[in-house]
Amino acid sequence: TQHTINELESAKIHGCIDRTRRRQVEAVFEVLKDAVIVIDAHGEVLHTNDIASALLTCSPKQAAGQPIDDVISDHQLLATIKDARTGLPREGRMYEQEITVGDSITAFEVQLQSVGSIDDAHHAVVTVLRDLSQEREIARLKSDFVSKASHELRTPLSSIAAYVEMLIDGDANSEDERNEFYAVISTETERLRRMIDNLLNISRIEAGLMHIDRDTCDFKMLVDRAVTNMSPQASEKELDIHVQLSAIDLSVNGDSDMLYQVIVNLLSNAIKYTPEGGRITLSADTDNLTRSLHFSITDTGLGIAPDQV
């Protein structure tokens, strides 16, 4: 009858609308950067997106319609998703879980949310998994940066403190000596200011826009300055610092601040890891064949472990 035909046409239209809506929802899942797994009340997979592939035992398309037990191999994740079928709070649940992905274990933030009531035929559980690897790596890098920045800032501060203490103790016996101490304090204070400016401009460094001022600089002068500024720390440990620089011109093209920082870092480490009464030698020479300058710092400490070289 016409009435039956109309009902069939209506059903077709509704079917098309449902399929269209389903495709729209699936398209949304695909553009998400997080893995999505949707199961029904019976524990069968309704949909997974491509990002979830690494967590599945088969492709997302093959997973549709299969029991969740056959699709996910990680027992903890499987138990978490299956338990959610028995009910979740209105706001859902969130966990942090370490999940086996291939041959490695990866940390994920797992968020579960119910769709519809438990008694509803269309009840489903949506699981969204966000990989925390990148966040944790960023946190580690930030921690490393803070540690290294603290070390960099501590070096000039130590020099300033040492020379101020010597002035207070009256170790400068003449006006020339006092002026020499003041010059070191002034130089290190200025270096500290530049380092702080660099830290404030860290966004530029991260963007690869760090400015390098290349110019002709006297490497011998940089070494002498570093030795002068670090001498108080060496004296505290009764370390003997020897400077063996070639008598020829040691001018190089580079950023004097950065080169100075390299020398200070190496010398600071040598002082730190050389036992009391030890010896530290700084040497520099040029290689005309390669048009380069060779600089080295050796000490009588334990050296660098092979796995740290």
C-alpha atoms as a PDB file:
ATOM      1  CA  THR A   1       0.000   0.000   0.000  1.00  0.00           C
ATOM      2  CA  GLN A   2       0.972   3.644  -0.298  1.00  0.00           C
ATOM      3  CA  HIS A   3       1.183   3.855   3.504  1.00  0.00           C
ATOM      4  CA  THR A   4       3.695   0.978   3.585  1.00  0.00           C
ATOM      5  CA  ILE A   5       5.721   2.552   0.766  1.00  0.00           C
ATOM      6  CA  ASN A   6       5.834   5.834   2.678  1.00  0.00           C
ATOM      7  CA  GLU A   7       7.049   4.005   5.802  1.00  0.00           C
ATOM      8  CA  LEU A   8       9.803   2.294   3.813  1.00  0.00           C
ATOM      9  CA  GLU A   9      10.879   5.575   2.244  1.00  0.00           C
ATOM     10  CA  SER A  10      10.890   7.194   5.672  1.00  0.00           C
ATOM     11  CA  ALA A  11      12.988   4.337   7.072  1.00  0.00           C
ATOM     12  CA  LYS A  12      15.438   4.720   4.194  1.00  0.00           C
ATOM     13  CA  ILE A  13      15.712   8.432   4.800  1.00  0.00           C
ATOM     14  CA  HIS A  14      16.285   7.900   8.526  1.00  0.00           C
ATOM     15  CA  GLY A  15      18.804   5.181   7.696  1.00  0.00           C
ATOM     16  CA  CYS A  16      20.702   7.587   5.420  1.00  0.00           C
ATOM     17  CA  ILE A  17      20.610  10.272   8.102  1.00  0.00           C
ATOM     18  CA  ASP A  18      21.929   7.809  10.702  1.00  0.00           C
ATOM     19  CA  ARG A  19      24.738   6.670   8.389  1.00  0.00           C
ATOM     20  CA  THR A  20      25.605  10.294   7.599  1.00  0.00           C
ATOM     21  CA  ARG A  21      25.721  11.157  11.296  1.00  0.00           C
ATOM     22  CA  ARG A  22      27.809   8.078  12.010  1.00  0.00           C
ATOM     23  CA  ARG A  23      30.283   9.032   9.267  1.00  0.00           C
ATOM     24  CA  GLN A  24      30.454  12.557  10.678  1.00  0.00           C
ATOM     25  CA  VAL A  25      31.208  11.249  14.171  1.00  0.00           C
ATOM     26  CA  GLU A  26      33.829   8.848  12.797  1.00  0.00           C
ATOM     27  CA  ALA A  27      35.384  11.692  10.802  1.00  0.00           C
ATOM     28  CA  VAL A  28      35.661  13.713  14.025  1.00  0.00           C
ATOM     29  CA  PHE A  29      37.405  10.772  15.733  1.00  0.00           C
ATOM     30  CA  GLU A  30      39.905  10.574  12.887  1.00  0.00           C
ATOM     31  CA  VAL A  31      41.024  14.196  13.203  1.00  0.00           C
ATOM     32  CA  LEU A  32      41.646  13.820  16.944  1.00  0.00           C
ATOM     33  CA  LYS A  33      45.292  13.467  17.977  1.00  0.00           C
ATOM     34  CA  ASP A  34      44.288  11.056  20.738  1.00  0.00           C
ATOM     35  CA  ALA A  35      43.422   7.375  20.375  1.00  0.00           C
ATOM     36  CA  VAL A  36      39.677   6.637  20.600  1.00  0.00           C
ATOM     37  CA  ILE A  37      38.036   3.259  21.283  1.00  0.00           C
ATOM     38  CA  VAL A  38      34.228   2.955  21.482  1.00  0.00           C
ATOM     39  CA  ILE A  39      32.538  -0.240  22.707  1.00  0.00           C
ATOM     40  CA  ASP A  40      28.874  -1.117  23.182  1.00  0.00           C
ATOM     41  CA  ALA A  41      27.115  -2.573  26.214  1.00  0.00           C
ATOM     42  CA  HIS A  42      28.072  -6.111  25.109  1.00  0.00           C
ATOM     43  CA  GLY A  43      31.770  -5.291  24.933  1.00  0.00           C
ATOM     44  CA  GLU A  44      31.971  -5.231  21.147  1.00  0.00           C
ATOM     45  CA  VAL A  45      33.941  -2.546  19.337  1.00  0.00           C
ATOM     46  CA  LEU A  46      31.792   0.067  17.626  1.00  0.00           C
ATOM     47  CA  HIS A  47      34.638   2.242  16.382  1.00  0.00           C
ATOM     48  CA  THR A  48      38.323   2.985  16.774  1.00  0.00           C
ATOM     49  CA  ASN A  49      40.343   5.666  15.006  1.00  0.00           C
ATOM     50  CA  ASP A  50      43.651   5.272  13.184  1.00  0.00           C
ATOM     51  CA  ILE A  51      45.650   6.763  16.086  1.00  0.00           C
ATOM     52  CA  ALA A  52      44.512   3.775  18.172  1.00  0.00           C
ATOM     53  CA  SER A  53      46.129   1.309  15.727  1.00  0.00           C
ATOM     54  CA  ALA A  54      49.259   0.875  17.856  1.00  0.00           C
ATOM     55  CA  LEU A  55      47.089  -0.317  20.777  1.00  0.00           C
ATOM     56  CA  LEU A  56      45.153  -2.889  18.754  1.00  0.00           C
ATOM     57  CA  THR A  57      45.918  -6.422  17.616  1.00  0.00           C
ATOM     58  CA  CYS A  58      44.366  -5.654  14.220  1.00  0.00           C
ATOM     59  CA  SER A  59      43.491  -2.681  12.029  1.00  0.00           C
ATOM     60  CA  PRO A  60      40.706  -0.280  13.164  1.00  0.00           C
ATOM     61  CA  LYS A  61      38.443  -1.475  10.342  1.00  0.00           C
ATOM     62  CA  GLN A  62      38.936  -5.141  11.303  1.00  0.00           C
ATOM     63  CA  ALA A  63      38.314  -4.281  14.974  1.00  0.00           C
ATOM     64  CA  ALA A  64      34.763  -3.036  14.352  1.00  0.00           C
ATOM     65  CA  GLY A  65      32.220  -5.602  15.537  1.00  0.00           C
ATOM     66  CA  GLN A  66      34.764  -7.754  17.404  1.00  0.00           C
ATOM     67  CA  PRO A  67      34.780  -8.384  21.176  1.00  0.00           C
ATOM     68  CA  ILE A  68      37.120  -5.991  22.948  1.00  0.00           C
ATOM     69  CA  ASP A  69      38.975  -9.025  24.403  1.00  0.00           C
ATOM     70  CA  ASP A  70      40.129  -9.967  20.879  1.00  0.00           C
ATOM     71  CA  VAL A  71      41.208  -6.467  19.930  1.00  0.00           C
ATOM     72  CA  ILE A  72      43.310  -5.233  22.887  1.00  0.00           C
ATOM     73  CA  SER A  73      46.200  -7.289  24.258  1.00  0.00           C
ATOM     74  CA  ASP A  74      47.215  -5.069  27.193  1.00  0.00           C
ATOM     75  CA  HIS A  75      45.457  -6.698  30.162  1.00  0.00           C
ATOM     76  CA  GLN A  76      45.334  -3.593  32.336  1.00  0.00           C
ATOM     77  CA  LEU A  77      43.791  -1.419  29.611  1.00  0.00           C
ATOM     78  CA  LEU A  78      41.359  -4.211  28.731  1.00  0.00           C
ATOM     79  CA  ALA A  79      40.224  -4.510  32.354  1.00  0.00           C
ATOM     80  CA  THR A  80      39.844  -0.731  32.661  1.00  0.00           C
ATOM     81  CA  ILE A  81      37.586  -0.486  29.599  1.00  0.00           C
ATOM     82  CA  LYS A  82      35.491  -3.574  30.463  1.00  0.00           C
ATOM     83  CA  ASP A  83      34.933  -2.415  34.052  1.00  0.00           C
ATOM     84  CA  ALA A  84      33.570   0.892  32.738  1.00  0.00           C
ATOM     85  CA  ARG A  85      30.562  -0.932  31.203  1.00  0.00           C
ATOM     86  CA  THR A  86      29.118  -1.463  34.682  1.00  0.00           C
ATOM     87  CA  GLY A  87      28.812   2.269  35.211  1.00  0.00           C
ATOM     88  CA  LEU A  88      30.777   5.484  35.394  1.00  0.00           C
ATOM     89  CA  PRO A  89      30.211   8.741  37.266  1.00  0.00           C
ATOM     90  CA  ARG A  90      28.614  11.545  35.257  1.00  0.00           C
ATOM     91  CA  GLU A  91      31.989  13.242  34.785  1.00  0.00           C
ATOM     92  CA  GLY A  92      33.599   9.978  33.698  1.00  0.00           C
ATOM     93  CA  ARG A  93      36.898   8.634  34.992  1.00  0.00           C
ATOM     94  CA  MET A  94      40.499   9.494  34.271  1.00  0.00           C
ATOM     95  CA  TYR A  95      43.586   7.374  34.891  1.00  0.00           C
ATOM     96  CA  GLU A  96      47.246   7.396  34.088  1.00  0.00           C
ATOM     97  CA  GLN A  97      48.342   3.976  32.880  1.00  0.00           C
ATOM     98  CA  GLU A  98      51.490   2.473  31.453  1.00  0.00           C
ATOM     99  CA  ILE A  99      50.416   0.448  28.430  1.00  0.00           C
ATOM    100  CA  THR A 100      52.438  -1.982  26.345  1.00  0.00           C
ATOM    101  CA  VAL A 101      52.764  -0.664  22.805  1.00  0.00           C
ATOM    102  CA  GLY A 102      54.751  -3.052  20.617  1.00  0.00           C
ATOM    103  CA  ASP A 103      58.004  -3.781  22.432  1.00  0.00           C
ATOM    104  CA  SER A 104      57.877  -0.759  24.728  1.00  0.00           C
ATOM    105  CA  ILE A 105      55.793   0.577  27.593  1.00  0.00           C
ATOM    106  CA  THR A 106      54.200   4.000  27.093  1.00  0.00           C
ATOM    107  CA  ALA A 107      52.447   6.224  29.625  1.00  0.00           C
ATOM    108  CA  PHE A 108      48.912   7.274  28.664  1.00  0.00           C
ATOM    109  CA  GLU A 109      46.209   9.420  30.183  1.00  0.00           C
ATOM    110  CA  VAL A 110      43.088   7.250  29.885  1.00  0.00           C
ATOM    111  CA  GLN A 111      39.704   9.009  29.981  1.00  0.00           C
ATOM    112  CA  LEU A 112      36.476   6.992  30.012  1.00  0.00           C
ATOM    113  CA  GLN A 113      32.968   8.361  29.436  1.00  0.00           C
ATOM    114  CA  SER A 114      29.565   6.682  29.196  1.00  0.00           C
ATOM    115  CA  VAL A 115      27.126   7.455  26.399  1.00  0.00           C
ATOM    116  CA  GLY A 116      23.517   6.796  27.414  1.00  0.00           C
ATOM    117  CA  SER A 117      22.343   4.919  30.521  1.00  0.00           C
ATOM    118  CA  ILE A 118      23.382   1.353  31.334  1.00  0.00           C
ATOM    119  CA  ASP A 119      19.851   0.085  30.535  1.00  0.00           C
ATOM    120  CA  ASP A 120      19.783   1.878  27.194  1.00  0.00           C
ATOM    121  CA  ALA A 121      20.182  -0.341  24.129  1.00  0.00           C
ATOM    122  CA  HIS A 122      22.519   2.278  22.667  1.00  0.00           C
ATOM    123  CA  HIS A 123      24.716   2.445  25.771  1.00  0.00           C
ATOM    124  CA  ALA A 124      28.392   2.770  24.879  1.00  0.00           C
ATOM    125  CA  VAL A 125      31.716   3.485  26.548  1.00  0.00           C
ATOM    126  CA  VAL A 126      34.105   5.917  24.905  1.00  0.00           C
ATOM    127  CA  THR A 127      37.782   5.595  25.832  1.00  0.00           C
ATOM    128  CA  VAL A 128      40.183   8.384  24.889  1.00  0.00           C
ATOM    129  CA  LEU A 129      43.904   7.741  25.347  1.00  0.00           C
ATOM    130  CA  ARG A 130      46.431  10.567  25.268  1.00  0.00           C
ATOM    131  CA  ASP A 131      50.102   9.661  24.865  1.00  0.00           C
ATOM    132  CA  LEU A 132      52.065  11.351  27.679  1.00  0.00           C
ATOM    133  CA  SER A 133      55.515  10.545  26.245  1.00  0.00           C
ATOM    134  CA  GLN A 134      56.048  13.972  24.701  1.00  0.00           C
ATOM    135  CA  GLU A 135      54.834  15.797  27.828  1.00  0.00           C
ATOM    136  CA  ARG A 136      57.148  13.769  30.032  1.00  0.00           C
ATOM    137  CA  GLU A 137      60.069  14.345  27.673  1.00  0.00           C
ATOM    138  CA  ILE A 138      59.375  18.090  27.746  1.00  0.00           C
ATOM    139  CA  ALA A 139      59.248  17.972  31.562  1.00  0.00           C
ATOM    140  CA  ARG A 140      62.589  16.138  31.591  1.00  0.00           C
ATOM    141  CA  LEU A 141      64.130  18.677  29.215  1.00  0.00           C
ATOM    142  CA  LYS A 142      62.837  21.526  31.377  1.00  0.00           C
ATOM    143  CA  SER A 143      64.353  19.897  34.446  1.00  0.00           C
ATOM    144  CA  ASP A 144      67.681  19.461  32.618  1.00  0.00           C
ATOM    145  CA  PHE A 145      67.533  23.064  31.468  1.00  0.00           C
ATOM    146  CA  VAL A 146      66.947  24.379  34.994  1.00  0.00           C
ATOM    147  CA  SER A 147      69.809  22.236  36.280  1.00  0.00           C
ATOM    148  CA  LYS A 148      72.200  23.429  33.567  1.00  0.00           C
ATOM    149  CA  ALA A 149      71.085  27.054  33.864  1.00  0.00           C
ATOM    150  CA  SER A 150      71.673  26.907  37.619  1.00  0.00           C
ATOM    151  CA  HIS A 151      75.178  25.575  36.990  1.00  0.00           C
ATOM    152  CA  GLU A 152      75.901  28.321  34.444  1.00  0.00           C
ATOM    153  CA  LEU A 153      74.676  31.053  36.788  1.00  0.00           C
ATOM    154  CA  ARG A 154      76.505  29.641  39.792  1.00  0.00           C
ATOM    155  CA  THR A 155      79.936  29.934  38.135  1.00  0.00           C
ATOM    156  CA  PRO A 156      80.097  33.755  37.852  1.00  0.00           C
ATOM    157  CA  LEU A 157      78.352  34.092  41.217  1.00  0.00           C
ATOM    158  CA  SER A 158      81.066  31.953  42.814  1.00  0.00           C
ATOM    159  CA  SER A 159      83.775  34.171  41.331  1.00  0.00           C
ATOM    160  CA  ILE A 160      82.037  37.348  42.522  1.00  0.00           C
ATOM    161  CA  ALA A 161      81.541  35.930  46.012  1.00  0.00           C
ATOM    162  CA  ALA A 162      85.160  34.756  46.229  1.00  0.00           C
ATOM    163  CA  TYR A 163      86.635  38.120  45.242  1.00  0.00           C
ATOM    164  CA  VAL A 164      84.251  40.053  47.522  1.00  0.00           C
ATOM    165  CA  GLU A 165      85.305  37.771  50.394  1.00  0.00           C
ATOM    166  CA  MET A 166      88.988  38.391  49.625  1.00  0.00           C
ATOM    167  CA  LEU A 167      88.370  42.152  49.655  1.00  0.00           C
ATOM    168  CA  ILE A 168      86.575  41.888  52.998  1.00  0.00           C
ATOM    169  CA  ASP A 169      89.429  39.774  54.424  1.00  0.00           C
ATOM    170  CA  GLY A 170      91.958  42.370  53.258  1.00  0.00           C
ATOM    171  CA  ASP A 171      93.770  40.024  50.866  1.00  0.00           C
ATOM    172  CA  ALA A 172      94.364  42.905  48.437  1.00  0.00           C
ATOM    173  CA  ASN A 173      97.525  44.601  49.744  1.00  0.00           C
ATOM    174  CA  SER A 174      97.672  47.463  47.266  1.00  0.00           C
ATOM    175  CA  GLU A 175      95.433  49.752  45.276  1.00  0.00           C
ATOM    176  CA  ASP A 176      96.405  47.928  42.071  1.00  0.00           C
ATOM    177  CA  GLU A 177      95.396  44.586  43.575  1.00  0.00           C
ATOM    178  CA  ARG A 178      92.093  45.982  44.777  1.00  0.00           C
ATOM    179  CA  ASN A 179      91.403  47.428  41.330  1.00  0.00           C
ATOM    180  CA  GLU A 180      92.211  44.020  39.833  1.00  0.00           C
ATOM    181  CA  PHE A 181      89.657  42.389  42.179  1.00  0.00           C
ATOM    182  CA  TYR A 182      87.078  45.063  41.317  1.00  0.00           C
ATOM    183  CA  ALA A 183      87.679  44.464  37.611  1.00  0.00           C
ATOM    184  CA  VAL A 184      87.018  40.729  38.007  1.00  0.00           C
ATOM    185  CA  ILE A 185      83.826  41.413  39.989  1.00  0.00           C
ATOM    186  CA  SER A 186      82.676  43.911  37.361  1.00  0.00           C
ATOM    187  CA  THR A 187      83.445  41.551  34.475  1.00  0.00           C
ATOM    188  CA  GLU A 188      81.655  38.603  36.080  1.00  0.00           C
ATOM    189  CA  THR A 189      78.671  40.779  37.044  1.00  0.00           C
ATOM    190  CA  GLU A 190      78.372  41.891  33.434  1.00  0.00           C
ATOM    191  CA  ARG A 191      78.617  38.271  32.259  1.00  0.00           C
ATOM    192  CA  LEU A 192      75.908  37.297  34.741  1.00  0.00           C
ATOM    193  CA  ARG A 193      73.681  40.046  33.362  1.00  0.00           C
ATOM    194  CA  ARG A 194      74.195  38.785  29.804  1.00  0.00           C
ATOM    195  CA  MET A 195      73.405  35.214  30.881  1.00  0.00           C
ATOM    196  CA  ILE A 196      70.174  36.357  32.528  1.00  0.00           C
ATOM    197  CA  ASP A 197      69.271  38.254  29.346  1.00  0.00           C
ATOM    198  CA  ASN A 198      69.784  35.022  27.407  1.00  0.00           C
ATOM    199  CA  LEU A 199      67.509  33.144  29.796  1.00  0.00           C
ATOM    200  CA  LEU A 200      64.822  35.800  29.378  1.00  0.00           C
ATOM    201  CA  ASN A 201      65.146  35.384  25.616  1.00  0.00           C
ATOM    202  CA  ILE A 202      64.879  31.589  25.786  1.00  0.00           C
ATOM    203  CA  SER A 203      61.904  31.609  23.404  1.00  0.00           C
ATOM    204  CA  ARG A 204      64.201  33.039  20.733  1.00  0.00           C
ATOM    205  CA  ILE A 205      66.728  30.288  21.421  1.00  0.00           C
ATOM    206  CA  GLU A 206      64.044  27.591  21.142  1.00  0.00           C
ATOM    207  CA  ALA A 207      62.955  29.103  17.833  1.00  0.00           C
ATOM    208  CA  GLY A 208      66.536  28.840  16.549  1.00  0.00           C
ATOM    209  CA  LEU A 209      66.959  32.602  16.541  1.00  0.00           C
ATOM    210  CA  MET A 210      69.800  32.811  19.050  1.00  0.00           C
ATOM    211  CA  HIS A 211      72.064  35.665  18.011  1.00  0.00           C
ATOM    212  CA  ILE A 212      75.767  34.907  17.582  1.00  0.00           C
ATOM    213  CA  ASP A 213      78.153  37.857  17.443  1.00  0.00           C
ATOM    214  CA  ARG A 214      81.093  36.590  15.392  1.00  0.00           C
ATOM    215  CA  ASP A 215      84.173  38.749  15.468  1.00  0.00           C
ATOM    216  CA  THR A 216      87.930  38.427  15.798  1.00  0.00           C
ATOM    217  CA  CYS A 217      88.734  37.621  19.424  1.00  0.00           C
ATOM    218  CA  ASP A 218      91.968  36.904  21.287  1.00  0.00           C
ATOM    219  CA  PHE A 219      91.681  33.345  22.626  1.00  0.00           C
ATOM    220  CA  LYS A 220      94.693  33.877  24.907  1.00  0.00           C
ATOM    221  CA  MET A 221      92.908  36.780  26.564  1.00  0.00           C
ATOM    222  CA  LEU A 222      89.795  34.616  27.104  1.00  0.00           C
ATOM    223  CA  VAL A 223      91.891  31.855  28.718  1.00  0.00           C
ATOM    224  CA  ASP A 224      93.742  34.306  30.960  1.00  0.00           C
ATOM    225  CA  ARG A 225      90.469  35.881  32.040  1.00  0.00           C
ATOM    226  CA  ALA A 226      88.907  32.504  32.821  1.00  0.00           C
ATOM    227  CA  VAL A 227      91.943  31.429  34.879  1.00  0.00           C
ATOM    228  CA  THR A 228      91.921  34.716  36.806  1.00  0.00           C
ATOM    229  CA  ASN A 229      88.202  34.462  37.566  1.00  0.00           C
ATOM    230  CA  MET A 230      88.346  30.800  38.587  1.00  0.00           C
ATOM    231  CA  SER A 231      91.550  31.032  40.637  1.00  0.00           C
ATOM    232  CA  PRO A 232      89.794  31.482  44.023  1.00  0.00           C
ATOM    233  CA  GLN A 233      87.882  28.187  43.550  1.00  0.00           C
ATOM    234  CA  ALA A 234      91.136  26.446  42.569  1.00  0.00           C
ATOM    235  CA  SER A 235      92.987  27.924  45.569  1.00  0.00           C
ATOM    236  CA  GLU A 236      90.348  26.560  47.971  1.00  0.00           C
ATOM    237  CA  LYS A 237      91.308  23.039  46.841  1.00  0.00           C
ATOM    238  CA  GLU A 238      95.019  23.907  46.559  1.00  0.00           C
ATOM    239  CA  LEU A 239      94.934  23.096  42.860  1.00  0.00           C
ATOM    240  CA  ASP A 240      97.827  24.130  40.644  1.00  0.00           C
ATOM    241  CA  ILE A 241      96.678  25.705  37.348  1.00  0.00           C
ATOM    242  CA  HIS A 242      99.210  25.739  34.504  1.00  0.00           C
ATOM    243  CA  VAL A 243      98.634  27.640  31.274  1.00  0.00           C
ATOM    244  CA  GLN A 244     100.563  26.454  28.212  1.00  0.00           C
ATOM    245  CA  LEU A 245      99.613  28.686  25.301  1.00  0.00           C
ATOM    246  CA  SER A 246     101.485  28.892  22.018  1.00  0.00           C
ATOM    247  CA  ALA A 247     103.478  32.099  21.625  1.00  0.00           C
ATOM    248  CA  ILE A 248     101.948  32.709  18.185  1.00  0.00           C
ATOM    249  CA  ASP A 249      98.814  34.710  17.511  1.00  0.00           C
ATOM    250  CA  LEU A 250      95.777  32.883  18.923  1.00  0.00           C
ATOM    251  CA  SER A 251      93.111  35.078  17.343  1.00  0.00           C
ATOM    252  CA  VAL A 252      89.974  33.280  16.189  1.00  0.00           C
ATOM    253  CA  ASN A 253      86.703  34.237  14.570  1.00  0.00           C
ATOM    254  CA  GLY A 254      83.787  33.557  16.875  1.00  0.00           C
ATOM    255  CA  ASP A 255      81.490  34.793  19.634  1.00  0.00           C
ATOM    256  CA  SER A 256      83.773  35.773  22.526  1.00  0.00           C
ATOM    257  CA  ASP A 257      81.054  35.319  25.184  1.00  0.00           C
ATOM    258  CA  MET A 258      80.246  31.803  24.018  1.00  0.00           C
ATOM    259  CA  LEU A 259      83.883  30.788  23.661  1.00  0.00           C
ATOM    260  CA  TYR A 260      84.608  32.170  27.112  1.00  0.00           C
ATOM    261  CA  GLN A 261      81.673  30.135  28.471  1.00  0.00           C
ATOM    262  CA  VAL A 262      83.171  26.973  26.930  1.00  0.00           C
ATOM    263  CA  ILE A 263      86.539  27.621  28.607  1.00  0.00           C
ATOM    264  CA  VAL A 264      84.912  28.402  31.979  1.00  0.00           C
ATOM    265  CA  ASN A 265      82.680  25.309  31.830  1.00  0.00           C
ATOM    266  CA  LEU A 266      85.633  23.008  31.141  1.00  0.00           C
ATOM    267  CA  LEU A 267      87.805  24.690  33.772  1.00  0.00           C
ATOM    268  CA  SER A 268      84.974  24.660  36.320  1.00  0.00           C
ATOM    269  CA  ASN A 269      84.474  20.917  35.797  1.00  0.00           C
ATOM    270  CA  ALA A 270      88.218  20.289  36.088  1.00  0.00           C
ATOM    271  CA  ILE A 271      88.289  22.149  39.412  1.00  0.00           C
ATOM    272  CA  LYS A 272      85.189  20.323  40.624  1.00  0.00           C
ATOM    273  CA  TYR A 273      86.438  16.824  39.822  1.00  0.00           C
ATOM    274  CA  THR A 274      90.155  17.152  40.616  1.00  0.00           C
ATOM    275  CA  PRO A 275      91.134  16.079  44.161  1.00  0.00           C
ATOM    276  CA  GLU A 276      92.843  18.591  46.458  1.00  0.00           C
ATOM    277  CA  GLY A 277      96.470  19.293  45.626  1.00  0.00           C
ATOM    278  CA  GLY A 278      95.975  18.258  42.001  1.00  0.00           C
ATOM    279  CA  ARG A 279      97.095  19.887  38.797  1.00  0.00           C
ATOM    280  CA  ILE A 280      95.113  21.404  35.914  1.00  0.00           C
ATOM    281  CA  THR A 281      96.708  22.313  32.588  1.00  0.00           C
ATOM    282  CA  LEU A 282      95.189  24.537  29.919  1.00  0.00           C
ATOM    283  CA  SER A 283      96.827  24.457  26.503  1.00  0.00           C
ATOM    284  CA  ALA A 284      96.112  26.015  23.132  1.00  0.00           C
ATOM    285  CA  ASP A 285      97.866  25.919  19.783  1.00  0.00           C
ATOM    286  CA  THR A 286      96.988  26.497  16.137  1.00  0.00           C
ATOM    287  CA  ASP A 287      96.982  24.079  13.223  1.00  0.00           C
ATOM    288  CA  ASN A 288      97.907  25.938  10.055  1.00  0.00           C
ATOM    289  CA  LEU A 289      96.937  23.007   7.838  1.00  0.00           C
ATOM    290  CA  THR A 290      93.310  22.992   8.995  1.00  0.00           C
ATOM    291  CA  ARG A 291      93.288  26.678   9.925  1.00  0.00           C
ATOM    292  CA  SER A 292      91.954  25.831  13.368  1.00  0.00           C
ATOM    293  CA  LEU A 293      92.784  26.349  17.028  1.00  0.00           C
ATOM    294  CA  HIS A 294      93.129  23.362  19.357  1.00  0.00           C
ATOM    295  CA  PHE A 295      92.295  23.965  23.004  1.00  0.00           C
ATOM    296  CA  SER A 296      92.406  21.389  25.795  1.00  0.00           C
ATOM    297  CA  ILE A 297      92.144  21.147  29.574  1.00  0.00           C
ATOM    298  CA  THR A 298      93.710  18.179  31.334  1.00  0.00           C
ATOM    299  CA  ASP A 299      93.696  17.398  35.028  1.00  0.00           C
ATOM    300  CA  THR A 300      94.786  14.790  37.555  1.00  0.00           C
ATOM    301  CA  GLY A 301      91.234  13.829  38.449  1.00  0.00           C
ATOM    302  CA  LEU A 302      89.453  10.552  37.770  1.00  0.00           C
ATOM    303  CA  GLY A 303      88.561  11.526  34.203  1.00  0.00           C
ATOM    304  CA  ILE A 304      85.281  10.920  32.412  1.00  0.00           C
ATOM    305  CA  ALA A 305      83.584   7.531  32.577  1.00  0.00           C
ATOM    306  CA  PRO A 306      83.475   5.854  29.123  1.00  0.00           C
ATOM    307  CA  ASP A 307      79.672   5.953  29.015  1.00  0.00           C
ATOM    308  CA  GLN A 308      79.704   9.718  29.712  1.00  0.00           C
ATOM    309  CA  VAL A 309      82.268  10.746  27.084  1.00  0.00           C
END
